[in-house]
C-alpha cells in the first residue's frame, strides 16, 4: 500500500535485496532480435525503422570521428525509452526517476565528450570558454561563467530527466486518486477527471519518449562540439 505520493519512487526491495538492478536489466529482454529471414515481422520492421531514423538524424551533423559513438548513443536511447515506458505500467518501478542513476548515466558520457575534445582539439575546446572579441574587462567573469556552465551540463541532463518523469508520475497519481475519491460523491465530475487522466497518460507516453530523445540529443550536441 502506498503511504505517501513519493513512496512510488523508492527503490524496490525483496528480503532486503535491492531490485533496481533487475528493473534496469528487464527492458533489454523486450527487444526483438533481427531474424535471418528475408521478410521481417511488423515489430522488427518498426524497431529497425526507429533505430535507422534516430541514428541518421543524430549522427549526420557529426564528423567521422564522432560517428563512432552511434552504437553507444543508440543503445542509451533505447535503454531510456524502454525504462520510461515500462515505468508507466501499474505496479512497476521507474529507475529513471532516481537522480543518482541519471547522474551516473550523464556524468561519464559528458566527461568523455570533454576529454575527447581536449585530446583532439584542445585549442578549440578551450576557445569555447571565451567568445571571440570579448572586451578585456569581461574576460575573467566570462571565463568563470562559461566554465560553470560547462560543469553544470551533466547536472542539467540528470535533473531534466528526473524532474519531468517524477512530475508526470505524481500528476497521474494525484488525478487518479481524485477520480477514485469523487466516484461515489460526484460521478459526473469523476468521469470528467478520468477522461483527463486518459489524456494525461497519452501525454506521458510522449514525454517518456521525448525525454529519452532529448537526453541523447544533448549528448550528441556535446559530442559534435568536441569531436
C-alpha atoms as a PDB file:
ATOM      1  CA  UNK A   1       0.000   0.000   0.000  1.00  0.00           C
ATOM      2  CA  UNK A   2       1.318   3.444  -0.938  1.00  0.00           C
ATOM      3  CA  UNK A   3       1.515   5.603   2.187  1.00  0.00           C
ATOM      4  CA  UNK A   4       2.646   8.823   0.522  1.00  0.00           C
ATOM      5  CA  UNK A   5       2.849  10.110  -3.029  1.00  0.00           C
ATOM      6  CA  UNK A   6       6.631   9.788  -3.040  1.00  0.00           C
ATOM      7  CA  UNK A   7       6.752   6.144  -1.885  1.00  0.00           C
ATOM      8  CA  UNK A   8       6.355   5.081  -5.516  1.00  0.00           C
ATOM      9  CA  UNK A   9       9.849   6.425  -6.211  1.00  0.00           C
ATOM     10  CA  UNK A  10      11.559   4.313  -3.541  1.00  0.00           C
ATOM     11  CA  UNK A  11      13.847   1.593  -4.862  1.00  0.00           C
ATOM     12  CA  UNK A  12      12.015  -1.755  -4.551  1.00  0.00           C
ATOM     13  CA  UNK A  13      13.496  -4.434  -2.306  1.00  0.00           C
ATOM     14  CA  UNK A  14      12.830  -8.124  -1.724  1.00  0.00           C
ATOM     15  CA  UNK A  15      14.019  -9.629   1.548  1.00  0.00           C
ATOM     16  CA  UNK A  16      16.257  -6.599   1.963  1.00  0.00           C
ATOM     17  CA  UNK A  17      17.825  -7.075  -1.504  1.00  0.00           C
ATOM     18  CA  UNK A  18      17.535  -4.049  -3.865  1.00  0.00           C
ATOM     19  CA  UNK A  19      15.775  -4.928  -7.114  1.00  0.00           C
ATOM     20  CA  UNK A  20      16.872  -1.883  -9.099  1.00  0.00           C
ATOM     21  CA  UNK A  21      19.432  -3.995 -10.982  1.00  0.00           C
ATOM     22  CA  UNK A  22      16.627  -6.306 -12.118  1.00  0.00           C
ATOM     23  CA  UNK A  23      14.465  -3.354 -13.174  1.00  0.00           C
ATOM     24  CA  UNK A  24      17.295  -1.938 -15.300  1.00  0.00           C
ATOM     25  CA  UNK A  25      18.026  -5.314 -16.908  1.00  0.00           C
ATOM     26  CA  UNK A  26      14.439  -6.266 -17.776  1.00  0.00           C
ATOM     27  CA  UNK A  27      13.924  -3.756 -20.637  1.00  0.00           C
ATOM     28  CA  UNK A  28      16.610  -5.416 -22.763  1.00  0.00           C
ATOM     29  CA  UNK A  29      14.640  -8.692 -22.783  1.00  0.00           C
ATOM     30  CA  UNK A  30      11.732  -6.983 -24.561  1.00  0.00           C
ATOM     31  CA  UNK A  31      13.771  -6.078 -27.647  1.00  0.00           C
ATOM     32  CA  UNK A  32      13.417  -8.388 -30.621  1.00  0.00           C
ATOM     33  CA  UNK A  33      16.377  -9.932 -32.399  1.00  0.00           C
ATOM     34  CA  UNK A  34      16.811  -9.417 -36.110  1.00  0.00           C
ATOM     35  CA  UNK A  35      15.599 -12.577 -37.902  1.00  0.00           C
ATOM     36  CA  UNK A  36      17.676 -14.214 -40.611  1.00  0.00           C
ATOM     37  CA  UNK A  37      14.671 -14.327 -42.930  1.00  0.00           C
ATOM     38  CA  UNK A  38      14.162 -12.060 -45.920  1.00  0.00           C
ATOM     39  CA  UNK A  39      10.739 -10.922 -44.683  1.00  0.00           C
ATOM     40  CA  UNK A  40      10.560  -9.357 -41.222  1.00  0.00           C
ATOM     41  CA  UNK A  41       7.572  -9.045 -38.924  1.00  0.00           C
ATOM     42  CA  UNK A  42       5.918  -5.707 -38.114  1.00  0.00           C
ATOM     43  CA  UNK A  43       7.604  -5.282 -34.725  1.00  0.00           C
ATOM     44  CA  UNK A  44      11.094  -5.862 -36.090  1.00  0.00           C
ATOM     45  CA  UNK A  45      10.447  -3.538 -39.032  1.00  0.00           C
ATOM     46  CA  UNK A  46       9.203  -0.787 -36.709  1.00  0.00           C
ATOM     47  CA  UNK A  47      12.209  -1.247 -34.415  1.00  0.00           C
ATOM     48  CA  UNK A  48      14.675  -1.125 -37.314  1.00  0.00           C
ATOM     49  CA  UNK A  49      12.998   1.955 -38.772  1.00  0.00           C
ATOM     50  CA  UNK A  50      13.155   3.739 -35.423  1.00  0.00           C
ATOM     51  CA  UNK A  51      16.842   2.931 -34.954  1.00  0.00           C
ATOM     52  CA  UNK A  52      17.722   3.969 -38.507  1.00  0.00           C
ATOM     53  CA  UNK A  53      15.808   7.273 -38.314  1.00  0.00           C
ATOM     54  CA  UNK A  54      17.246   8.235 -34.949  1.00  0.00           C
ATOM     55  CA  UNK A  55      20.812   7.309 -35.900  1.00  0.00           C
ATOM     56  CA  UNK A  56      20.630   9.228 -39.183  1.00  0.00           C
ATOM     57  CA  UNK A  57      19.148  12.348 -37.578  1.00  0.00           C
ATOM     58  CA  UNK A  58      21.542  12.384 -34.623  1.00  0.00           C
ATOM     59  CA  UNK A  59      24.791  11.397 -36.309  1.00  0.00           C
ATOM     60  CA  UNK A  60      24.522  13.332 -39.592  1.00  0.00           C
ATOM     61  CA  UNK A  61      25.924  16.656 -38.270  1.00  0.00           C
ATOM     62  CA  UNK A  62      28.829  14.916 -36.502  1.00  0.00           C
ATOM     63  CA  UNK A  63      32.139  14.248 -38.237  1.00  0.00           C
ATOM     64  CA  UNK A  64      33.501  10.791 -38.966  1.00  0.00           C
ATOM     65  CA  UNK A  65      35.382  10.503 -35.673  1.00  0.00           C
ATOM     66  CA  UNK A  66      32.267  11.310 -33.668  1.00  0.00           C
ATOM     67  CA  UNK A  67      30.105   8.864 -35.611  1.00  0.00           C
ATOM     68  CA  UNK A  68      31.880   6.038 -33.822  1.00  0.00           C
ATOM     69  CA  UNK A  69      29.593   6.887 -30.901  1.00  0.00           C
ATOM     70  CA  UNK A  70      26.482   5.914 -32.888  1.00  0.00           C
ATOM     71  CA  UNK A  71      26.129   2.466 -31.315  1.00  0.00           C
ATOM     72  CA  UNK A  72      26.642   3.791 -27.786  1.00  0.00           C
ATOM     73  CA  UNK A  73      24.157   6.650 -28.143  1.00  0.00           C
ATOM     74  CA  UNK A  74      21.575   4.430 -29.855  1.00  0.00           C
ATOM     75  CA  UNK A  75      21.868   1.841 -27.092  1.00  0.00           C
ATOM     76  CA  UNK A  76      21.456   4.568 -24.457  1.00  0.00           C
ATOM     77  CA  UNK A  77      18.413   5.966 -26.251  1.00  0.00           C
ATOM     78  CA  UNK A  78      16.766   2.542 -26.489  1.00  0.00           C
ATOM     79  CA  UNK A  79      17.556   1.812 -22.850  1.00  0.00           C
ATOM     80  CA  UNK A  80      15.982   5.057 -21.627  1.00  0.00           C
ATOM     81  CA  UNK A  81      12.891   4.716 -23.827  1.00  0.00           C
ATOM     82  CA  UNK A  82      12.205   1.171 -22.648  1.00  0.00           C
ATOM     83  CA  UNK A  83      12.641   2.039 -18.963  1.00  0.00           C
ATOM     84  CA  UNK A  84      10.493   5.160 -19.237  1.00  0.00           C
ATOM     85  CA  UNK A  85       7.677   3.320 -20.995  1.00  0.00           C
ATOM     86  CA  UNK A  86       7.756   0.324 -18.658  1.00  0.00           C
ATOM     87  CA  UNK A  87       7.579   2.696 -15.703  1.00  0.00           C
ATOM     88  CA  UNK A  88       4.116   3.822 -16.834  1.00  0.00           C
ATOM     89  CA  UNK A  89       2.666   0.356 -16.252  1.00  0.00           C
ATOM     90  CA  UNK A  90       0.848  -0.279 -12.935  1.00  0.00           C
ATOM     91  CA  UNK A  91       2.855  -1.795 -10.064  1.00  0.00           C
ATOM     92  CA  UNK A  92       6.171  -1.054 -11.745  1.00  0.00           C
ATOM     93  CA  UNK A  93       9.226   0.983 -10.772  1.00  0.00           C
ATOM     94  CA  UNK A  94      10.862   3.617 -12.973  1.00  0.00           C
ATOM     95  CA  UNK A  95      14.649   3.671 -12.400  1.00  0.00           C
ATOM     96  CA  UNK A  96      14.975   6.922 -14.357  1.00  0.00           C
ATOM     97  CA  UNK A  97      13.085   8.791 -11.616  1.00  0.00           C
ATOM     98  CA  UNK A  98      16.205   8.343  -9.472  1.00  0.00           C
ATOM     99  CA  UNK A  99      18.579  11.307  -9.781  1.00  0.00           C
ATOM    100  CA  UNK A 100      21.528   9.131  -8.753  1.00  0.00           C
ATOM    101  CA  UNK A 101      21.007   6.799 -11.705  1.00  0.00           C
ATOM    102  CA  UNK A 102      20.507   9.619 -14.215  1.00  0.00           C
ATOM    103  CA  UNK A 103      23.648  11.346 -12.973  1.00  0.00           C
ATOM    104  CA  UNK A 104      25.513   8.034 -13.268  1.00  0.00           C
ATOM    105  CA  UNK A 105      24.488   7.957 -16.940  1.00  0.00           C
ATOM    106  CA  UNK A 106      25.043  11.649 -17.689  1.00  0.00           C
ATOM    107  CA  UNK A 107      28.347  12.356 -15.946  1.00  0.00           C
ATOM    108  CA  UNK A 108      30.581   9.712 -17.616  1.00  0.00           C
ATOM    109  CA  UNK A 109      29.128  10.441 -21.057  1.00  0.00           C
ATOM    110  CA  UNK A 110      29.589  14.211 -20.667  1.00  0.00           C
ATOM    111  CA  UNK A 111      33.101  13.753 -19.285  1.00  0.00           C
ATOM    112  CA  UNK A 112      34.002  11.507 -22.214  1.00  0.00           C
ATOM    113  CA  UNK A 113      32.969  14.191 -24.716  1.00  0.00           C
ATOM    114  CA  UNK A 114      35.009  16.830 -22.847  1.00  0.00           C
ATOM    115  CA  UNK A 115      38.107  14.609 -22.693  1.00  0.00           C
ATOM    116  CA  UNK A 116      37.670  13.788 -26.377  1.00  0.00           C
ATOM    117  CA  UNK A 117      37.717  17.486 -27.199  1.00  0.00           C
ATOM    118  CA  UNK A 118      40.802  18.147 -25.072  1.00  0.00           C
ATOM    119  CA  UNK A 119      42.585  15.230 -26.703  1.00  0.00           C
ATOM    120  CA  UNK A 120      41.931  16.042 -30.350  1.00  0.00           C
ATOM    121  CA  UNK A 121      41.436  19.823 -30.404  1.00  0.00           C
ATOM    122  CA  UNK A 122      42.438  21.383 -27.117  1.00  0.00           C
ATOM    123  CA  UNK A 123      42.733  24.925 -28.519  1.00  0.00           C
ATOM    124  CA  UNK A 124      39.204  24.857 -29.940  1.00  0.00           C
ATOM    125  CA  UNK A 125      37.774  23.303 -26.785  1.00  0.00           C
ATOM    126  CA  UNK A 126      39.376  25.937 -24.583  1.00  0.00           C
ATOM    127  CA  UNK A 127      38.207  28.585 -27.037  1.00  0.00           C
ATOM    128  CA  UNK A 128      34.592  27.785 -26.146  1.00  0.00           C
ATOM    129  CA  UNK A 129      35.260  29.238 -22.707  1.00  0.00           C
ATOM    130  CA  UNK A 130      35.925  32.717 -24.141  1.00  0.00           C
ATOM    131  CA  UNK A 131      33.923  34.125 -27.097  1.00  0.00           C
ATOM    132  CA  UNK A 132      35.947  35.900 -29.752  1.00  0.00           C
ATOM    133  CA  UNK A 133      36.100  39.684 -29.481  1.00  0.00           C
ATOM    134  CA  UNK A 134      35.366  39.831 -25.748  1.00  0.00           C
ATOM    135  CA  UNK A 135      36.432  43.117 -24.086  1.00  0.00           C
ATOM    136  CA  UNK A 136      39.403  42.777 -21.747  1.00  0.00           C
ATOM    137  CA  UNK A 137      37.437  43.688 -18.622  1.00  0.00           C
ATOM    138  CA  UNK A 138      34.871  40.954 -19.291  1.00  0.00           C
ATOM    139  CA  UNK A 139      37.376  38.154 -19.878  1.00  0.00           C
ATOM    140  CA  UNK A 140      37.681  36.903 -16.235  1.00  0.00           C
ATOM    141  CA  UNK A 141      33.917  36.821 -15.478  1.00  0.00           C
ATOM    142  CA  UNK A 142      33.082  35.274 -18.860  1.00  0.00           C
ATOM    143  CA  UNK A 143      35.632  32.509 -18.383  1.00  0.00           C
ATOM    144  CA  UNK A 144      34.167  31.825 -14.948  1.00  0.00           C
ATOM    145  CA  UNK A 145      30.603  31.793 -16.304  1.00  0.00           C
ATOM    146  CA  UNK A 146      31.438  29.522 -19.251  1.00  0.00           C
ATOM    147  CA  UNK A 147      33.390  27.129 -17.014  1.00  0.00           C
ATOM    148  CA  UNK A 148      30.458  26.955 -14.599  1.00  0.00           C
ATOM    149  CA  UNK A 149      28.024  26.303 -17.454  1.00  0.00           C
ATOM    150  CA  UNK A 150      30.320  23.542 -18.715  1.00  0.00           C
ATOM    151  CA  UNK A 151      30.314  21.719 -15.374  1.00  0.00           C
ATOM    152  CA  UNK A 152      26.555  22.218 -14.923  1.00  0.00           C
ATOM    153  CA  UNK A 153      25.775  20.277 -18.106  1.00  0.00           C
ATOM    154  CA  UNK A 154      25.675  16.766 -16.550  1.00  0.00           C
ATOM    155  CA  UNK A 155      23.581  18.091 -13.664  1.00  0.00           C
ATOM    156  CA  UNK A 156      21.144  19.645 -16.126  1.00  0.00           C
ATOM    157  CA  UNK A 157      20.907  16.358 -18.040  1.00  0.00           C
ATOM    158  CA  UNK A 158      20.156  14.319 -14.928  1.00  0.00           C
ATOM    159  CA  UNK A 159      17.780  16.814 -13.292  1.00  0.00           C
ATOM    160  CA  UNK A 160      15.806  17.381 -16.506  1.00  0.00           C
ATOM    161  CA  UNK A 161      15.102  13.678 -16.978  1.00  0.00           C
ATOM    162  CA  UNK A 162      14.334  13.105 -13.298  1.00  0.00           C
ATOM    163  CA  UNK A 163      12.082  16.139 -12.874  1.00  0.00           C
ATOM    164  CA  UNK A 164       9.968  15.511 -15.977  1.00  0.00           C
ATOM    165  CA  UNK A 165       9.318  11.859 -15.193  1.00  0.00           C
ATOM    166  CA  UNK A 166       8.726  12.468 -11.485  1.00  0.00           C
ATOM    167  CA  UNK A 167       6.272  15.306 -12.160  1.00  0.00           C
ATOM    168  CA  UNK A 168       4.343  13.191 -14.649  1.00  0.00           C
ATOM    169  CA  UNK A 169       4.062  10.223 -12.288  1.00  0.00           C
ATOM    170  CA  UNK A 170       2.937  12.450  -9.415  1.00  0.00           C
ATOM    171  CA  UNK A 171       0.320  14.173 -11.555  1.00  0.00           C
ATOM    172  CA  UNK A 172      -1.067  10.854 -12.769  1.00  0.00           C
ATOM    173  CA  UNK A 173      -1.346   9.572  -9.217  1.00  0.00           C
ATOM    174  CA  UNK A 174      -2.997  12.777  -7.969  1.00  0.00           C
ATOM    175  CA  UNK A 175      -5.623  12.782 -10.733  1.00  0.00           C
ATOM    176  CA  UNK A 176      -6.247   9.035 -10.354  1.00  0.00           C
ATOM    177  CA  UNK A 177      -6.758   9.473  -6.604  1.00  0.00           C
ATOM    178  CA  UNK A 178      -9.136  12.382  -7.205  1.00  0.00           C
ATOM    179  CA  UNK A 179     -11.134  10.400  -9.763  1.00  0.00           C
ATOM    180  CA  UNK A 180     -11.458   7.442  -7.381  1.00  0.00           C
ATOM    181  CA  UNK A 181     -12.474   9.661  -4.450  1.00  0.00           C
ATOM    182  CA  UNK A 182     -15.134  11.500  -6.490  1.00  0.00           C
ATOM    183  CA  UNK A 183     -16.630   8.287  -7.899  1.00  0.00           C
ATOM    184  CA  UNK A 184     -19.116   7.884  -5.031  1.00  0.00           C
ATOM    185  CA  UNK A 185     -19.822  11.574  -4.361  1.00  0.00           C
ATOM    186  CA  UNK A 186     -19.842  13.193  -7.816  1.00  0.00           C
ATOM    187  CA  UNK A 187     -19.907  10.548 -10.595  1.00  0.00           C
ATOM    188  CA  UNK A 188     -20.087  13.106 -13.428  1.00  0.00           C
ATOM    189  CA  UNK A 189     -17.071  15.021 -12.193  1.00  0.00           C
ATOM    190  CA  UNK A 190     -15.285  11.725 -11.568  1.00  0.00           C
ATOM    191  CA  UNK A 191     -15.869  10.702 -15.210  1.00  0.00           C
ATOM    192  CA  UNK A 192     -14.513  14.034 -16.410  1.00  0.00           C
ATOM    193  CA  UNK A 193     -11.453  13.596 -14.202  1.00  0.00           C
ATOM    194  CA  UNK A 194     -10.965  10.088 -15.598  1.00  0.00           C
ATOM    195  CA  UNK A 195     -11.017  11.436 -19.160  1.00  0.00           C
ATOM    196  CA  UNK A 196      -8.364  13.973 -18.159  1.00  0.00           C
ATOM    197  CA  UNK A 197      -6.377  11.075 -16.699  1.00  0.00           C
ATOM    198  CA  UNK A 198      -6.523   9.211 -20.019  1.00  0.00           C
ATOM    199  CA  UNK A 199      -5.302  12.276 -21.896  1.00  0.00           C
ATOM    200  CA  UNK A 200      -2.511  12.738 -19.363  1.00  0.00           C
ATOM    201  CA  UNK A 201      -1.496   9.088 -19.746  1.00  0.00           C
ATOM    202  CA  UNK A 202      -1.191   9.592 -23.518  1.00  0.00           C
ATOM    203  CA  UNK A 203       0.857  12.727 -22.887  1.00  0.00           C
ATOM    204  CA  UNK A 204       3.144  10.816 -20.544  1.00  0.00           C
ATOM    205  CA  UNK A 205       3.768   8.221 -23.251  1.00  0.00           C
ATOM    206  CA  UNK A 206       5.037  11.030 -25.456  1.00  0.00           C
ATOM    207  CA  UNK A 207       7.047  12.557 -22.601  1.00  0.00           C
ATOM    208  CA  UNK A 208       8.718   9.200 -21.874  1.00  0.00           C
ATOM    209  CA  UNK A 209       9.993   9.000 -25.459  1.00  0.00           C
ATOM    210  CA  UNK A 210      10.774  12.704 -25.868  1.00  0.00           C
ATOM    211  CA  UNK A 211      12.808  12.954 -22.664  1.00  0.00           C
ATOM    212  CA  UNK A 212      14.937   9.969 -23.650  1.00  0.00           C
ATOM    213  CA  UNK A 213      15.446  11.567 -27.062  1.00  0.00           C
ATOM    214  CA  UNK A 214      16.376  14.958 -25.557  1.00  0.00           C
ATOM    215  CA  UNK A 215      18.846  13.316 -23.163  1.00  0.00           C
ATOM    216  CA  UNK A 216      20.626  11.562 -26.026  1.00  0.00           C
ATOM    217  CA  UNK A 217      20.346  14.521 -28.405  1.00  0.00           C
ATOM    218  CA  UNK A 218      22.066  16.853 -25.943  1.00  0.00           C
ATOM    219  CA  UNK A 219      24.869  14.346 -25.526  1.00  0.00           C
ATOM    220  CA  UNK A 220      25.253  14.227 -29.317  1.00  0.00           C
ATOM    221  CA  UNK A 221      25.439  18.049 -29.387  1.00  0.00           C
ATOM    222  CA  UNK A 222      28.190  17.974 -26.758  1.00  0.00           C
ATOM    223  CA  UNK A 223      29.946  15.365 -28.865  1.00  0.00           C
ATOM    224  CA  UNK A 224      29.554  17.488 -32.006  1.00  0.00           C
ATOM    225  CA  UNK A 225      31.088  20.438 -30.173  1.00  0.00           C
ATOM    226  CA  UNK A 226      34.158  18.468 -29.088  1.00  0.00           C
ATOM    227  CA  UNK A 227      34.633  15.858 -31.830  1.00  0.00           C
END
